[in-house]
Protein backbone atom coordinates (compact mmCIF):
# COMPACT_ATOMS: atom_id res chain seq x y z
CA MET A 1 44.24 -37.66 0.94
CA THR A 2 44.33 -38.51 -2.77
CA LYS A 3 44.13 -35.87 -5.56
CA VAL A 4 40.53 -37.02 -6.26
CA GLN A 5 39.48 -36.60 -2.58
CA LEU A 6 40.90 -33.03 -2.56
CA LEU A 7 39.26 -32.18 -5.68
CA ALA A 8 35.90 -33.47 -4.33
CA LEU A 9 36.45 -31.49 -1.02
CA GLY A 10 37.43 -28.19 -2.97
CA ILE A 11 34.15 -28.65 -5.08
CA ALA A 12 32.12 -29.33 -1.97
CA ILE A 13 33.37 -25.93 -0.44
CA VAL A 14 33.66 -23.68 -3.52
CA LEU A 15 30.38 -24.84 -5.25
CA PRO A 16 28.01 -23.82 -2.29
CA LEU A 17 29.84 -20.66 -1.61
CA SER A 18 29.61 -19.61 -5.20
CA VAL A 19 25.96 -20.38 -5.51
CA LEU A 20 25.43 -18.34 -2.20
CA LEU A 21 27.14 -15.35 -3.69
CA TYR A 22 25.25 -15.61 -6.74
CA SER A 23 21.92 -15.72 -5.08
CA SER A 24 22.91 -12.89 -2.75
CA SER A 25 23.67 -10.70 -5.69
CA ARG A 26 20.46 -11.56 -7.33
CA SER A 27 18.43 -10.92 -4.29
CA ALA A 28 19.98 -7.47 -3.82
CA GLY A 29 18.45 -6.57 -7.33
CA ASP A 30 15.09 -8.20 -6.57
CA LYS A 31 15.02 -5.88 -3.26
CA GLN A 32 15.52 -2.73 -5.47
CA THR A 33 12.84 -3.91 -7.74
CA ILE A 34 10.37 -4.53 -4.86
CA ARG A 35 11.30 -1.32 -3.19
CA ALA A 36 10.45 0.45 -6.45
CA GLU A 37 7.21 -1.33 -6.86
CA ILE A 38 6.15 -0.60 -3.24
CA GLY A 39 7.03 3.06 -3.92
CA GLU A 40 4.66 3.13 -6.88
CA GLY A 41 2.01 1.43 -4.94
CA LYS A 42 2.22 4.05 -2.21
CA HIS A 43 1.73 6.91 -4.70
CA ALA A 44 -1.16 5.21 -6.21
CA LEU A 45 -2.77 4.57 -2.86
CA ARG A 46 -2.18 8.00 -1.70
CA ALA A 47 -3.81 9.53 -5.02
CA GLU A 48 -6.82 7.22 -4.32
CA MET A 49 -7.08 8.41 -0.73
CA GLU A 50 -7.05 11.99 -1.87
CA VAL A 51 -10.06 11.10 -4.35
CA LEU A 52 -11.85 9.21 -1.56
CA ARG A 53 -11.36 12.30 0.74
CA ALA A 54 -12.70 14.57 -1.82
CA ASP A 55 -15.82 12.33 -2.43
CA THR A 56 -16.31 12.13 1.33
CA ALA A 57 -16.23 15.72 1.83
CA ALA A 58 -18.63 16.30 -0.88
CA GLY A 59 -21.03 13.73 0.53
CA LEU A 60 -20.69 15.29 3.92
CA ALA A 61 -21.58 18.74 2.42
CA ARG A 62 -24.75 17.15 0.58
CA VAL A 63 -25.75 15.74 4.07
CA GLN A 64 -25.20 19.07 5.85
CA ARG A 65 -27.26 20.84 3.02
CA ALA A 66 -30.00 18.20 3.51
CA ILE A 67 -30.05 18.69 7.32
CA ALA A 68 -30.25 22.42 6.83
CA ARG A 69 -33.10 22.12 4.51
CA PHE A 70 -34.96 19.73 6.86
CA GLU A 71 -34.37 22.06 9.85
CA ASN A 72 -35.70 25.09 7.84
CA LYS A 73 -38.76 23.16 6.97
CA PHE A 74 -39.13 22.08 10.67
CA VAL A 75 -38.84 25.69 11.88
CA VAL A 76 -41.47 26.78 9.45
CA HIS A 77 -44.04 24.08 10.33
CA ASP A 78 -43.15 23.58 14.02
CA PRO A 79 -45.27 26.62 15.19
CA GLU A 80 -48.35 25.34 13.42
CA HIS A 81 -48.32 22.10 15.41
CA ARG A 82 -47.72 23.72 18.92
CA ASN A 83 -51.41 24.91 19.32
């Protein structure tokens, strides 16, 4: 093999390996960034879930109070209609 062919072969081997190593190191940093963003998203979702749980509990309490008022009215008026 001539020197030119050896040089071309060396470049053909070294260049792809160096690109692979470079992209691998970049992807490690990207993974850390993505994990951090996912963690932040989890915290935001959990906070929103707590708000929704509180809203749901308050809504159920209102429904229960409305049912209790309806039952009280029904108990008061029911004897009048049994005759």
